[in-house]
């Protein structure tokens, strides 16, 4: 069975993940971590990144699709690109995942809010990798990651932590208690 992992950078206090279609924080070290973990594979197979249309739109054109990964986008409008699979429903997603399963290493759910909610609601997530961000500055957000989801998971420990400017970051790996 393929492993599905949510990867998210989230404000530790509010659960905020975005504002106006962008990440709340642009943290170079965390972005490098995201690229490494979603690209690295123990096999010859690629990883998949699964996202909603708003997340897809937030990626700069020069970086789309995310290279060296299979991109799966939930959207009602087909994206015309050979390295992108467009799906309009969870049933379509499951069919694409099944068709690609022999060619995939891991699946990373990368957002946004609706996609996290959908995958958590269907009980399809085995692991979460969360960058918990603490800032001394007040933040305004319009997209969240429901931190109560993590109650279904057990912390497997801190992967990394650091501070820069007015923020501190802690990356934690969680595993689903029901898998």
C-alpha atoms as a PDB file:
ATOM      1  CA  UNK A   1       0.000   0.000   0.000  1.00  0.00           C
ATOM      2  CA  UNK A   2       1.254   3.458  -0.859  1.00  0.00           C
ATOM      3  CA  UNK A   3       2.016   5.832   1.970  1.00  0.00           C
ATOM      4  CA  UNK A   4       0.123   9.139   2.008  1.00  0.00           C
ATOM      5  CA  UNK A   5       1.748  11.969   3.950  1.00  0.00           C
ATOM      6  CA  UNK A   6       0.438  15.450   4.602  1.00  0.00           C
ATOM      7  CA  UNK A   7       3.195  18.037   4.523  1.00  0.00           C
ATOM      8  CA  UNK A   8       2.256  21.461   5.869  1.00  0.00           C
ATOM      9  CA  UNK A   9       3.788  24.642   7.271  1.00  0.00           C
ATOM     10  CA  UNK A  10       1.353  25.899   9.895  1.00  0.00           C
ATOM     11  CA  UNK A  11       1.190  28.702  12.414  1.00  0.00           C
ATOM     12  CA  UNK A  12       1.500  26.913  15.751  1.00  0.00           C
ATOM     13  CA  UNK A  13      -1.026  29.089  17.560  1.00  0.00           C
ATOM     14  CA  UNK A  14      -3.765  29.625  14.961  1.00  0.00           C
ATOM     15  CA  UNK A  15      -3.477  26.848  12.399  1.00  0.00           C
ATOM     16  CA  UNK A  16      -3.100  29.492   9.693  1.00  0.00           C
ATOM     17  CA  UNK A  17      -1.466  28.253   6.484  1.00  0.00           C
ATOM     18  CA  UNK A  18      -2.194  30.936   3.906  1.00  0.00           C
ATOM     19  CA  UNK A  19      -3.481  34.345   2.943  1.00  0.00           C
ATOM     20  CA  UNK A  20      -4.727  35.462  -0.477  1.00  0.00           C
ATOM     21  CA  UNK A  21      -3.477  32.304  -2.167  1.00  0.00           C
ATOM     22  CA  UNK A  22       0.033  32.489  -0.732  1.00  0.00           C
ATOM     23  CA  UNK A  23       1.903  30.865   2.123  1.00  0.00           C
ATOM     24  CA  UNK A  24       1.854  32.837   5.370  1.00  0.00           C
ATOM     25  CA  UNK A  25       5.611  32.684   5.618  1.00  0.00           C
ATOM     26  CA  UNK A  26       8.301  32.284   2.998  1.00  0.00           C
ATOM     27  CA  UNK A  27      11.012  30.413   4.877  1.00  0.00           C
ATOM     28  CA  UNK A  28      13.857  29.330   2.578  1.00  0.00           C
ATOM     29  CA  UNK A  29      15.075  26.509   4.846  1.00  0.00           C
ATOM     30  CA  UNK A  30      11.558  25.059   5.092  1.00  0.00           C
ATOM     31  CA  UNK A  31      11.034  25.354   1.331  1.00  0.00           C
ATOM     32  CA  UNK A  32      14.300  23.426   0.781  1.00  0.00           C
ATOM     33  CA  UNK A  33      13.096  20.779   3.256  1.00  0.00           C
ATOM     34  CA  UNK A  34       9.787  20.539   1.366  1.00  0.00           C
ATOM     35  CA  UNK A  35      11.561  20.099  -1.979  1.00  0.00           C
ATOM     36  CA  UNK A  36      13.954  17.480  -0.593  1.00  0.00           C
ATOM     37  CA  UNK A  37      11.379  15.372   1.220  1.00  0.00           C
ATOM     38  CA  UNK A  38       8.832  15.415  -1.609  1.00  0.00           C
ATOM     39  CA  UNK A  39      11.475  14.629  -4.251  1.00  0.00           C
ATOM     40  CA  UNK A  40      13.755  12.071  -2.550  1.00  0.00           C
ATOM     41  CA  UNK A  41      12.857   8.443  -3.238  1.00  0.00           C
ATOM     42  CA  UNK A  42      14.321   5.186  -1.946  1.00  0.00           C
ATOM     43  CA  UNK A  43      13.287   3.546  -5.215  1.00  0.00           C
ATOM     44  CA  UNK A  44      13.552   4.348  -8.904  1.00  0.00           C
ATOM     45  CA  UNK A  45       9.945   5.567  -8.755  1.00  0.00           C
ATOM     46  CA  UNK A  46       8.910   9.174  -8.332  1.00  0.00           C
ATOM     47  CA  UNK A  47       6.858  10.626  -5.515  1.00  0.00           C
ATOM     48  CA  UNK A  48       3.520  12.297  -6.184  1.00  0.00           C
ATOM     49  CA  UNK A  49       2.397  15.660  -4.857  1.00  0.00           C
ATOM     50  CA  UNK A  50      -1.352  16.139  -4.532  1.00  0.00           C
ATOM     51  CA  UNK A  51      -2.821  19.614  -4.334  1.00  0.00           C
ATOM     52  CA  UNK A  52      -5.863  21.724  -5.015  1.00  0.00           C
ATOM     53  CA  UNK A  53      -6.176  24.228  -7.815  1.00  0.00           C
ATOM     54  CA  UNK A  54      -5.474  27.211  -5.531  1.00  0.00           C
ATOM     55  CA  UNK A  55      -2.212  25.628  -4.396  1.00  0.00           C
ATOM     56  CA  UNK A  56      -1.335  24.889  -8.036  1.00  0.00           C
ATOM     57  CA  UNK A  57      -2.048  28.521  -8.942  1.00  0.00           C
ATOM     58  CA  UNK A  58       0.151  29.743  -6.075  1.00  0.00           C
ATOM     59  CA  UNK A  59       3.212  28.002  -7.528  1.00  0.00           C
ATOM     60  CA  UNK A  60       5.144  30.379  -9.805  1.00  0.00           C
ATOM     61  CA  UNK A  61       4.722  29.483 -13.481  1.00  0.00           C
ATOM     62  CA  UNK A  62       8.459  28.876 -13.788  1.00  0.00           C
ATOM     63  CA  UNK A  63       8.236  26.192 -11.068  1.00  0.00           C
ATOM     64  CA  UNK A  64       5.095  24.399 -12.362  1.00  0.00           C
ATOM     65  CA  UNK A  65       4.745  21.514 -12.392  1.00  0.00           C
ATOM     66  CA  UNK A  66       6.946  20.687  -9.427  1.00  0.00           C
ATOM     67  CA  UNK A  67       9.876  18.938 -11.087  1.00  0.00           C
ATOM     68  CA  UNK A  68      10.899  15.337 -10.493  1.00  0.00           C
ATOM     69  CA  UNK A  69       7.498  14.610  -8.953  1.00  0.00           C
ATOM     70  CA  UNK A  70       4.185  13.499 -10.353  1.00  0.00           C
ATOM     71  CA  UNK A  71       1.733  16.378  -9.875  1.00  0.00           C
ATOM     72  CA  UNK A  72      -1.926  15.558  -9.204  1.00  0.00           C
ATOM     73  CA  UNK A  73      -4.260  18.559  -9.053  1.00  0.00           C
ATOM     74  CA  UNK A  74      -7.873  18.622  -7.883  1.00  0.00           C
ATOM     75  CA  UNK A  75      -9.595  20.953 -10.344  1.00  0.00           C
ATOM     76  CA  UNK A  76     -12.726  21.115 -12.446  1.00  0.00           C
ATOM     77  CA  UNK A  77     -10.656  22.396 -15.396  1.00  0.00           C
ATOM     78  CA  UNK A  78      -8.150  20.023 -16.957  1.00  0.00           C
ATOM     79  CA  UNK A  79      -4.538  21.167 -16.804  1.00  0.00           C
ATOM     80  CA  UNK A  80      -2.853  20.478 -20.109  1.00  0.00           C
ATOM     81  CA  UNK A  81       0.623  19.244 -19.226  1.00  0.00           C
ATOM     82  CA  UNK A  82       2.122  15.764 -19.676  1.00  0.00           C
ATOM     83  CA  UNK A  83       3.404  15.634 -16.069  1.00  0.00           C
ATOM     84  CA  UNK A  84       0.121  16.707 -14.464  1.00  0.00           C
ATOM     85  CA  UNK A  85      -2.955  14.631 -13.700  1.00  0.00           C
ATOM     86  CA  UNK A  86      -6.154  16.613 -13.219  1.00  0.00           C
ATOM     87  CA  UNK A  87      -8.887  15.087 -11.065  1.00  0.00           C
ATOM     88  CA  UNK A  88     -12.285  16.513 -10.202  1.00  0.00           C
ATOM     89  CA  UNK A  89     -13.288  14.194  -7.355  1.00  0.00           C
ATOM     90  CA  UNK A  90     -11.964  11.766  -4.774  1.00  0.00           C
ATOM     91  CA  UNK A  91     -13.188   8.874  -6.949  1.00  0.00           C
ATOM     92  CA  UNK A  92     -11.147  10.181  -9.895  1.00  0.00           C
ATOM     93  CA  UNK A  93      -8.166  10.658  -7.590  1.00  0.00           C
ATOM     94  CA  UNK A  94      -8.392   7.070  -6.326  1.00  0.00           C
ATOM     95  CA  UNK A  95      -8.518   5.814  -9.925  1.00  0.00           C
ATOM     96  CA  UNK A  96      -5.410   7.821 -10.891  1.00  0.00           C
ATOM     97  CA  UNK A  97      -3.598   6.656  -7.745  1.00  0.00           C
ATOM     98  CA  UNK A  98      -4.481   3.045  -8.575  1.00  0.00           C
ATOM     99  CA  UNK A  99      -3.314   3.414 -12.197  1.00  0.00           C
ATOM    100  CA  UNK A 100      -0.011   4.974 -11.078  1.00  0.00           C
ATOM    101  CA  UNK A 101       0.564   2.772  -8.027  1.00  0.00           C
ATOM    102  CA  UNK A 102       3.220   0.588  -9.677  1.00  0.00           C
ATOM    103  CA  UNK A 103       5.176   3.732 -10.600  1.00  0.00           C
ATOM    104  CA  UNK A 104       4.966   5.678  -7.333  1.00  0.00           C
ATOM    105  CA  UNK A 105       7.169   5.708  -4.261  1.00  0.00           C
ATOM    106  CA  UNK A 106       5.208   7.965  -1.856  1.00  0.00           C
ATOM    107  CA  UNK A 107       2.304  10.379  -2.036  1.00  0.00           C
ATOM    108  CA  UNK A 108       2.506  13.810  -0.428  1.00  0.00           C
ATOM    109  CA  UNK A 109      -0.644  15.854   0.177  1.00  0.00           C
ATOM    110  CA  UNK A 110       0.575  19.465  -0.070  1.00  0.00           C
ATOM    111  CA  UNK A 111      -2.597  21.512   0.359  1.00  0.00           C
ATOM    112  CA  UNK A 112      -4.501  23.600   0.613  1.00  0.00           C
ATOM    113  CA  UNK A 113      -7.155  23.699   3.268  1.00  0.00           C
ATOM    114  CA  UNK A 114      -9.891  21.867   1.313  1.00  0.00           C
ATOM    115  CA  UNK A 115      -7.516  19.109   0.199  1.00  0.00           C
ATOM    116  CA  UNK A 116      -6.188  18.545   3.737  1.00  0.00           C
ATOM    117  CA  UNK A 117      -9.772  18.407   5.028  1.00  0.00           C
ATOM    118  CA  UNK A 118     -10.861  15.992   2.299  1.00  0.00           C
ATOM    119  CA  UNK A 119      -7.995  13.528   2.813  1.00  0.00           C
ATOM    120  CA  UNK A 120      -8.281  13.663   6.614  1.00  0.00           C
ATOM    121  CA  UNK A 121     -12.060  13.258   6.377  1.00  0.00           C
ATOM    122  CA  UNK A 122     -11.657  10.120   4.259  1.00  0.00           C
ATOM    123  CA  UNK A 123      -9.069   8.689   6.683  1.00  0.00           C
ATOM    124  CA  UNK A 124      -6.471   8.439   3.910  1.00  0.00           C
ATOM    125  CA  UNK A 125      -3.424   9.857   5.690  1.00  0.00           C
ATOM    126  CA  UNK A 126      -0.785   7.695   7.373  1.00  0.00           C
ATOM    127  CA  UNK A 127       1.655  10.436   8.296  1.00  0.00           C
ATOM    128  CA  UNK A 128       1.926  14.206   8.779  1.00  0.00           C
ATOM    129  CA  UNK A 129       5.092  16.246   8.529  1.00  0.00           C
ATOM    130  CA  UNK A 130       4.331  19.612  10.071  1.00  0.00           C
ATOM    131  CA  UNK A 131       6.510  22.664  10.239  1.00  0.00           C
ATOM    132  CA  UNK A 132       5.147  24.413  13.319  1.00  0.00           C
ATOM    133  CA  UNK A 133       5.867  28.121  13.002  1.00  0.00           C
ATOM    134  CA  UNK A 134       5.830  30.493  15.943  1.00  0.00           C
ATOM    135  CA  UNK A 135       5.978  34.210  15.246  1.00  0.00           C
ATOM    136  CA  UNK A 136       6.114  37.194  17.546  1.00  0.00           C
ATOM    137  CA  UNK A 137       4.132  39.175  14.974  1.00  0.00           C
ATOM    138  CA  UNK A 138       0.338  38.951  14.642  1.00  0.00           C
ATOM    139  CA  UNK A 139      -0.728  37.152  11.479  1.00  0.00           C
ATOM    140  CA  UNK A 140      -3.762  37.444   9.262  1.00  0.00           C
ATOM    141  CA  UNK A 141      -4.822  34.346   7.361  1.00  0.00           C
ATOM    142  CA  UNK A 142      -7.738  33.022   5.334  1.00  0.00           C
ATOM    143  CA  UNK A 143      -6.755  29.338   5.073  1.00  0.00           C
ATOM    144  CA  UNK A 144      -6.134  26.956   7.953  1.00  0.00           C
ATOM    145  CA  UNK A 145      -4.917  23.492   8.784  1.00  0.00           C
ATOM    146  CA  UNK A 146      -7.159  22.193  11.559  1.00  0.00           C
ATOM    147  CA  UNK A 147      -4.659  21.419  14.321  1.00  0.00           C
ATOM    148  CA  UNK A 148      -7.183  19.051  15.952  1.00  0.00           C
ATOM    149  CA  UNK A 149      -6.353  16.588  13.130  1.00  0.00           C
ATOM    150  CA  UNK A 150      -3.084  15.926  14.922  1.00  0.00           C
ATOM    151  CA  UNK A 151      -4.993  14.360  17.845  1.00  0.00           C
ATOM    152  CA  UNK A 152      -5.365  11.266  15.645  1.00  0.00           C
ATOM    153  CA  UNK A 153      -1.582  11.100  15.285  1.00  0.00           C
ATOM    154  CA  UNK A 154       1.373  10.369  17.508  1.00  0.00           C
ATOM    155  CA  UNK A 155       4.527  12.444  17.410  1.00  0.00           C
ATOM    156  CA  UNK A 156       7.504  10.473  16.137  1.00  0.00           C
ATOM    157  CA  UNK A 157       9.862  13.279  17.065  1.00  0.00           C
ATOM    158  CA  UNK A 158      11.440  16.480  15.881  1.00  0.00           C
ATOM    159  CA  UNK A 159      13.141  16.369  12.483  1.00  0.00           C
ATOM    160  CA  UNK A 160      14.657  19.850  12.681  1.00  0.00           C
ATOM    161  CA  UNK A 161      14.263  23.177  14.451  1.00  0.00           C
ATOM    162  CA  UNK A 162      15.695  26.648  14.014  1.00  0.00           C
ATOM    163  CA  UNK A 163      14.959  30.336  14.484  1.00  0.00           C
ATOM    164  CA  UNK A 164      15.407  33.185  12.053  1.00  0.00           C
ATOM    165  CA  UNK A 165      14.253  36.781  12.123  1.00  0.00           C
ATOM    166  CA  UNK A 166      11.083  36.910  14.258  1.00  0.00           C
ATOM    167  CA  UNK A 167      10.068  33.278  13.854  1.00  0.00           C
ATOM    168  CA  UNK A 168      10.964  29.868  15.172  1.00  0.00           C
ATOM    169  CA  UNK A 169      10.297  26.641  13.268  1.00  0.00           C
ATOM    170  CA  UNK A 170      10.014  23.075  14.445  1.00  0.00           C
ATOM    171  CA  UNK A 171       9.455  20.244  11.957  1.00  0.00           C
ATOM    172  CA  UNK A 172       7.695  17.283  13.567  1.00  0.00           C
ATOM    173  CA  UNK A 173       6.812  13.901  12.043  1.00  0.00           C
ATOM    174  CA  UNK A 174       3.500  12.379  13.178  1.00  0.00           C
ATOM    175  CA  UNK A 175       2.153   8.906  12.463  1.00  0.00           C
ATOM    176  CA  UNK A 176      -1.519   7.970  12.343  1.00  0.00           C
ATOM    177  CA  UNK A 177      -2.563   5.984  15.420  1.00  0.00           C
ATOM    178  CA  UNK A 178      -5.051   3.976  13.323  1.00  0.00           C
ATOM    179  CA  UNK A 179      -2.608   2.541  10.780  1.00  0.00           C
END
